[in-house]
Protein backbone atom coordinates (compact mmCIF):
# COMPACT_ATOMS: atom_id res chain seq x y z
CA MET A 1 -50.83 -25.23 -56.49
CA PRO A 2 -53.73 -25.81 -54.06
CA MET A 3 -56.34 -23.13 -53.56
CA THR A 4 -56.24 -21.17 -50.30
CA THR A 5 -59.18 -21.23 -47.95
CA GLU A 6 -59.59 -17.48 -48.53
CA LEU A 7 -59.68 -17.81 -52.30
CA TYR A 8 -62.16 -20.76 -52.09
CA MET A 9 -64.52 -18.72 -49.88
CA ALA A 10 -64.27 -15.78 -52.25
CA LEU A 11 -65.29 -18.21 -55.10
CA LEU A 12 -68.19 -19.55 -53.12
CA SER A 13 -69.36 -16.11 -52.05
CA MET A 14 -69.65 -15.20 -55.75
CA ASP A 15 -71.12 -18.65 -56.68
CA SER A 16 -74.25 -17.87 -54.54
CA TYR A 17 -75.15 -15.26 -57.15
CA ASN A 18 -75.31 -18.02 -59.78
CA ARG A 19 -77.53 -20.51 -57.92
CA GLY A 20 -81.26 -20.66 -57.21
CA TYR A 21 -83.76 -18.06 -58.10
CA GLY A 22 -82.52 -14.78 -59.71
CA GLN A 23 -79.27 -16.27 -60.79
CA ARG A 24 -76.98 -13.93 -62.70
CA LEU A 25 -75.37 -16.65 -64.79
CA ASP A 26 -76.95 -19.99 -65.63
CA VAL A 27 -73.87 -22.03 -64.70
CA VAL A 28 -75.49 -25.40 -65.32
CA ALA A 29 -76.55 -24.36 -68.85
CA ALA A 30 -72.94 -23.12 -69.37
CA GLY A 31 -71.68 -26.68 -68.59
CA ALA A 32 -70.92 -26.38 -64.89
CA SER A 33 -71.97 -29.08 -62.45
CA ASN A 34 -75.08 -28.60 -60.33
CA THR A 35 -73.62 -30.84 -57.63
CA GLN A 36 -69.97 -29.84 -57.29
CA ILE A 37 -67.85 -26.74 -57.47
CA GLY A 38 -64.27 -27.86 -57.28
CA ASN A 39 -64.06 -30.34 -54.38
CA ALA A 40 -67.12 -28.80 -52.70
CA THR A 41 -70.52 -30.52 -52.86
CA ILE A 42 -73.39 -28.13 -53.49
CA GLY A 43 -76.00 -28.49 -50.72
CA THR A 44 -79.75 -28.89 -51.25
CA ASP A 45 -80.88 -27.20 -48.00
CA ALA A 46 -84.23 -25.41 -48.40
CA LEU A 47 -84.47 -21.65 -48.15
CA PRO A 48 -86.71 -20.30 -45.40
CA SER A 49 -90.34 -19.65 -46.32
CA GLY A 50 -90.80 -16.25 -47.94
CA ALA A 51 -87.13 -15.98 -49.11
CA ILE A 52 -87.91 -14.84 -52.65
CA SER A 53 -90.39 -12.10 -51.56
CA ALA A 54 -87.72 -10.86 -49.13
CA GLY A 55 -84.83 -11.03 -51.67
CA PHE A 56 -82.88 -13.53 -49.51
CA PHE A 57 -80.71 -16.29 -50.88
CA ALA A 58 -78.03 -18.47 -49.42
CA GLN A 59 -76.29 -21.60 -50.62
CA SER A 60 -74.71 -24.43 -48.57
CA TYR A 61 -71.72 -26.45 -49.50
CA THR A 62 -69.77 -29.27 -47.94
CA LEU A 63 -65.97 -29.40 -48.31
CA ASN A 64 -63.98 -32.22 -46.70
CA GLY A 65 -66.92 -32.81 -44.25
CA GLN A 66 -67.09 -29.11 -43.30
CA LYS A 67 -70.39 -27.21 -43.84
CA ILE A 68 -70.05 -23.89 -45.58
CA ILE A 69 -72.75 -21.25 -45.99
CA SER A 70 -72.53 -18.52 -48.59
CA TYR A 71 -74.98 -15.60 -48.20
CA ARG A 72 -75.82 -13.82 -51.44
CA GLY A 73 -75.27 -10.07 -51.39
CA THR A 74 -77.19 -7.23 -52.91
CA ASP A 75 -78.87 -8.18 -56.14
CA GLN A 76 -82.17 -6.21 -55.93
CA VAL A 77 -81.61 -2.80 -54.39
CA ILE A 78 -85.22 -1.77 -54.68
CA THR A 79 -88.30 -3.21 -56.36
CA PRO A 80 -91.74 -1.67 -56.58
CA PRO A 81 -94.39 -3.33 -54.30
CA TRP A 82 -96.53 -4.31 -57.36
CA SER A 83 -93.65 -6.04 -59.03
CA ASP A 84 -93.25 -9.81 -59.34
CA SER A 85 -89.44 -9.36 -58.93
CA PRO A 86 -87.66 -10.77 -55.88
CA GLY A 87 -87.86 -8.53 -52.79
CA SER A 88 -85.84 -5.38 -52.25
CA ASP A 89 -82.54 -5.67 -50.34
CA LEU A 90 -83.00 -2.08 -49.31
CA TRP A 91 -86.21 -2.85 -47.37
CA ASN A 92 -85.48 -6.33 -46.31
CA GLY A 93 -81.74 -6.45 -45.50
CA TYR A 94 -79.81 -3.18 -45.42
CA GLY A 95 -81.08 -2.31 -41.92
CA THR A 96 -78.69 -4.99 -40.51
CA ALA A 97 -75.74 -2.95 -41.67
CA PHE A 98 -77.13 0.12 -39.85
CA GLY A 99 -77.73 -1.63 -36.53
CA LEU A 100 -81.33 -2.68 -37.12
CA PRO A 101 -81.29 -6.50 -37.39
CA PHE A 102 -85.06 -6.81 -37.14
CA ASN A 103 -85.56 -7.51 -40.79
CA ASP A 104 -86.48 -10.49 -42.99
CA GLN A 105 -83.03 -11.20 -44.33
CA ALA A 106 -81.32 -11.24 -40.88
CA ARG A 107 -84.03 -13.62 -39.64
CA MET A 108 -83.78 -15.78 -42.71
CA ALA A 109 -79.95 -15.89 -42.47
CA ALA A 110 -80.33 -17.20 -38.90
CA ASP A 111 -83.03 -19.75 -40.03
CA PHE A 112 -80.83 -20.97 -42.87
CA PHE A 113 -77.78 -21.31 -40.54
CA GLN A 114 -79.92 -23.39 -38.15
CA THR A 115 -81.23 -25.59 -41.00
CA VAL A 116 -77.75 -26.28 -42.44
CA THR A 117 -76.24 -26.96 -38.99
CA GLY A 118 -79.23 -28.88 -37.61
CA THR A 119 -79.70 -26.60 -34.65
CA GLN A 120 -83.40 -25.59 -35.17
CA THR A 121 -84.33 -27.07 -31.76
CA THR A 122 -81.01 -26.61 -29.90
CA ASP A 123 -78.56 -23.78 -29.15
CA PRO A 124 -77.43 -22.45 -32.62
CA SER A 125 -74.02 -21.50 -31.15
CA THR A 126 -73.30 -25.28 -31.07
CA GLY A 127 -73.56 -25.32 -34.86
CA ASN A 128 -70.49 -25.57 -36.94
CA ALA A 129 -70.24 -23.86 -40.39
CA ILE A 130 -67.78 -21.66 -42.21
CA LEU A 131 -69.66 -18.45 -43.21
CA THR A 132 -68.93 -16.36 -46.26
CA GLY A 133 -70.57 -13.72 -48.39
CA HIS A 134 -70.14 -10.71 -50.55
CA SER A 135 -71.59 -7.20 -49.93
CA LEU A 136 -74.92 -7.59 -47.97
CA GLY A 137 -74.15 -11.34 -47.86
CA GLY A 138 -70.82 -10.60 -46.13
CA GLY A 139 -72.65 -8.47 -43.61
CA LEU A 140 -75.16 -11.29 -42.91
CA ALA A 141 -72.23 -13.81 -42.60
CA GLY A 142 -70.53 -11.53 -40.12
CA PHE A 143 -73.74 -10.92 -38.17
CA ILE A 144 -74.65 -14.64 -37.94
CA GLY A 145 -71.09 -15.51 -37.13
CA SER A 146 -71.04 -13.06 -34.31
CA ILE A 147 -74.40 -13.90 -32.71
CA TYR A 148 -73.73 -17.65 -32.97
CA ARG A 149 -70.17 -17.28 -31.73
CA GLN A 150 -68.59 -19.12 -34.66
CA HIS A 151 -65.27 -17.30 -33.98
CA LYS A 152 -65.21 -18.24 -30.31
CA ASN A 153 -66.36 -21.86 -30.69
CA ARG A 154 -64.56 -22.68 -33.86
CA GLY A 155 -61.40 -20.53 -33.74
CA ARG A 156 -62.11 -18.77 -36.99
CA PHE A 157 -64.02 -15.71 -38.26
CA PRO A 158 -66.41 -15.61 -41.13
CA LEU A 159 -64.76 -14.71 -44.47
CA PHE A 160 -66.61 -11.91 -46.12
CA PHE A 161 -65.81 -9.72 -49.10
CA ASP A 162 -66.82 -6.02 -49.58
CA PHE A 163 -69.14 -6.52 -46.63
CA ALA A 164 -71.82 -4.48 -44.98
CA PRO A 165 -70.68 -3.66 -41.40
CA SER A 166 -73.44 -5.57 -39.63
CA GLN A 167 -70.97 -7.61 -37.49
CA LEU A 168 -70.25 -4.35 -35.66
CA LEU A 169 -73.89 -4.29 -34.46
CA ALA A 170 -73.56 -7.88 -33.16
CA HIS A 171 -70.44 -7.07 -31.23
CA ARG A 172 -72.07 -3.97 -29.64
CA LEU A 173 -75.14 -5.94 -28.67
CA ARG A 174 -72.93 -8.64 -27.12
CA ALA A 175 -70.95 -6.02 -25.19
CA VAL A 176 -74.14 -4.49 -23.81
CA MET A 177 -75.45 -7.92 -22.73
CA GLU A 178 -72.11 -8.84 -21.09
CA ARG A 179 -72.31 -5.68 -19.06
CA ALA A 180 -75.88 -6.53 -18.07
CA GLY A 181 -74.85 -9.83 -16.55
CA ASP A 182 -76.41 -13.15 -17.43
CA MET A 183 -79.34 -11.71 -19.29
CA ILE A 184 -80.36 -13.40 -22.47
CA LEU A 185 -81.63 -11.29 -25.35
CA VAL A 186 -84.24 -13.08 -27.52
CA LEU A 187 -85.34 -11.42 -30.65
CA ASP A 188 -87.93 -12.49 -33.26
CA ARG A 189 -88.56 -16.22 -32.65
CA GLY A 190 -85.39 -16.59 -30.60
CA PHE A 191 -82.89 -16.22 -33.35
CA LEU A 192 -80.58 -13.90 -31.39
CA LEU A 193 -79.33 -15.63 -28.34
CA LEU A 194 -76.52 -13.97 -26.44
């Protein structure tokens, strides 16, 4: 029986915890491929500068020619400033769920989307990627999907699991901007274009 898209995205949203720095399970040492997960090819897109110190991680994949981005969720709630551990999700990401997207992880999620979709110098809403994530990662997927109109342009919504409610913020910001007419809201290096 073939795997449903929803099940595949759930698998990839959890796989991001087992890739890159701070992995929970060394899947390669356990015998898994470092280039494939099922029929999906594991991407080699670079994380934004400062990702580890901000506690940000995302993994790209390609499945049947379609780009997929999985944003990692909460893995370091809080770390002391003197620690060598990856950055705290509490300080660098949770604000997005509470309507404050002016944090490192929201900016890095946007940067990573632009890298994977090749839209660093063009309108990111022209990019095409399926977005997924778990917990904080699901919130980032919803937020990025909303601000870059992945649902409108691509006919699908991000698939997130046990997500932080940050896509609600993006919808509220968009509604405010639509009432304001043709204004364009540009935040932190232009990552939020409405």
